[in-house]
Protein backbone atom coordinates (compact mmCIF):
# COMPACT_ATOMS: atom_id res chain seq x y z
CA MET A 1 -0.10 0.00 0.01
CA ALA A 2 1.15 3.54 -0.70
CA THR A 3 2.13 6.19 2.12
CA ILE A 4 -0.25 9.06 2.34
CA ALA A 5 1.40 12.43 3.31
CA PHE A 6 0.06 14.05 6.70
CA ASP A 7 0.84 17.62 7.41
CA THR A 8 1.52 17.61 11.12
CA HIS A 9 2.46 21.33 11.02
CA LYS A 10 -1.08 22.46 9.79
CA PHE A 11 -3.07 19.62 12.08
CA ILE A 12 -1.35 21.32 15.08
CA ARG A 13 -2.24 24.64 14.11
CA LYS A 14 -5.69 23.72 13.74
CA LEU A 15 -5.71 22.09 17.14
CA GLU A 16 -4.32 25.27 18.62
CA ASN A 17 -6.79 27.37 16.97
CA ALA A 18 -9.45 25.35 18.26
CA GLY A 19 -8.28 25.98 21.90
CA PHE A 20 -5.52 23.26 22.49
CA ASP A 21 -2.40 24.45 24.24
CA SER A 22 0.75 23.67 22.09
CA LYS A 23 1.63 20.59 24.24
CA GLN A 24 -1.70 18.90 23.91
CA ALA A 25 -1.70 19.93 20.23
CA GLU A 26 1.54 18.18 19.63
CA ALA A 27 0.52 15.06 21.65
CA VAL A 28 -2.82 14.62 19.64
CA ALA A 29 -0.80 15.50 16.43
CA ASP A 30 1.77 12.64 17.32
CA ALA A 31 -0.73 10.12 18.13
CA PHE A 32 -2.84 10.61 15.35
CA ARG A 33 0.25 10.53 12.83
CA GLU A 34 1.26 7.05 14.61
CA ALA A 35 -2.37 5.71 13.93
CA HIS A 36 -2.14 7.16 10.45
CA MET A 37 1.05 5.19 9.57
CA GLU A 38 -0.02 1.99 11.00
CA ALA A 39 -3.34 1.98 9.05
CA GLU A 40 -3.26 0.25 5.89
CA VAL A 41 -5.40 2.26 3.43
CA ALA A 42 -5.53 1.53 -0.20
CA THR A 43 -5.35 4.39 -2.82
CA LYS A 44 -7.23 5.07 -5.86
CA THR A 45 -4.01 3.43 -7.76
CA ASP A 46 -4.15 0.47 -5.63
CA LEU A 47 -7.79 -0.03 -6.34
CA ARG A 48 -7.29 0.56 -10.10
CA GLU A 49 -4.43 -2.06 -10.18
CA LEU A 50 -6.46 -4.67 -8.25
CA GLU A 51 -9.47 -4.08 -10.78
CA TYR A 52 -7.13 -4.60 -13.61
CA ARG A 53 -5.69 -8.00 -12.00
CA LEU A 54 -9.19 -9.06 -11.46
CA VAL A 55 -10.46 -8.45 -15.17
CA ILE A 56 -7.34 -10.30 -16.50
CA LYS A 57 -7.93 -13.14 -14.09
CA LEU A 58 -11.79 -13.36 -14.80
CA GLY A 59 -10.97 -13.07 -18.63
CA GLY A 60 -8.86 -16.14 -18.20
CA MET A 61 -11.07 -18.10 -16.24
CA MET A 62 -13.93 -17.39 -19.04
CA MET A 63 -11.55 -18.42 -21.86
CA ALA A 64 -10.85 -21.64 -19.93
CA SER A 65 -14.43 -22.33 -19.41
CA VAL A 66 -15.17 -21.78 -23.11
CA ALA A 67 -12.20 -24.19 -24.12
CA VAL A 68 -13.63 -26.94 -21.62
CA VAL A 69 -17.08 -26.55 -23.01
CA ALA A 70 -15.99 -26.76 -26.53
CA THR A 71 -13.72 -29.80 -25.85
CA LEU A 72 -17.02 -31.45 -24.22
CA VAL A 73 -19.23 -30.71 -27.07
CA LYS A 74 -16.55 -32.04 -29.61
CA LEU A 75 -16.32 -35.38 -27.57
CA LEU A 76 -19.92 -35.84 -27.06
């Protein structure tokens, strides 16, 4: 999975503007950053690549199914 950028400075400023003191804002930002880094999130690119792989696999299975049916029809 891809890493997604997180602007801690901007996050801290927003917390301070909302009434957090500097120490609290930094602690919350650090905790959020750590949780954010540990989370495995799928980006749009990840999902697009997965879709392409699934389409290729499904196409292969459909071709194999047609080949099996054609072989059975030929034998019967």
